[in-house]
Amino acid sequence: MTSGTDLSLTPSPARRMSAVALLGVLGALLLRVALGAEEMTAGWMALLVVMAAAVLWVAWRLWVATGVRLVLTEADLREEGGRVLCRLDEIEKVERGTFAFKPSNGFLIRLKTPGSRVWAPGLWWRFGRRLGVGGVTPAGQGKAMADVIAARIGGMGRLD
């Protein structure tokens, strides 16, 4: 449940559609090359078909993953459907710097303890102690959410 004080990060419809469309075109091109070349060996053809299937699968996953928004509550950061990305008391610091390994238009959260590996293409990912938030999201909303998280965990001094 969300309250009136919650902050949300909503995927941009235009970025969401363009990302899925670009991946779809790439998958279609890979299929076209694989099935259209007459002098290609079976091994190369199979490799291109597998690559096309993988790209189309990622496009579908991106479409599904970016169908929800992220919500920052008083206690945690979660998907609108209820899946918790992290609790605020688990956060060590927030990184938004130019050289931070973060998603586009987003930020990186360093956690105190490692979590499971999870990937919601175009929206967020978590590997070990790192949680990346962003991708097809608006830069302004991502910056605002990073600032609010940093303020809630102990002041703006923790924002890198």
Foldseek 3Di string as FASTA:
>chain_A
DADPPKAKWAFDPVLLVVVLVVLLVQLVVLLCVLPVDDPDDPVSSVVSNVVSVVSNVVSVLLNVLNPWMWMDHLFAIATPVGHTPGTLVQFDFKEDDPPDPAEPLAIKTFGPFFDDWDDRPQAWTGGTRIIHGGGSTHNVSRVVVRCVSRPSNPDPVRYD
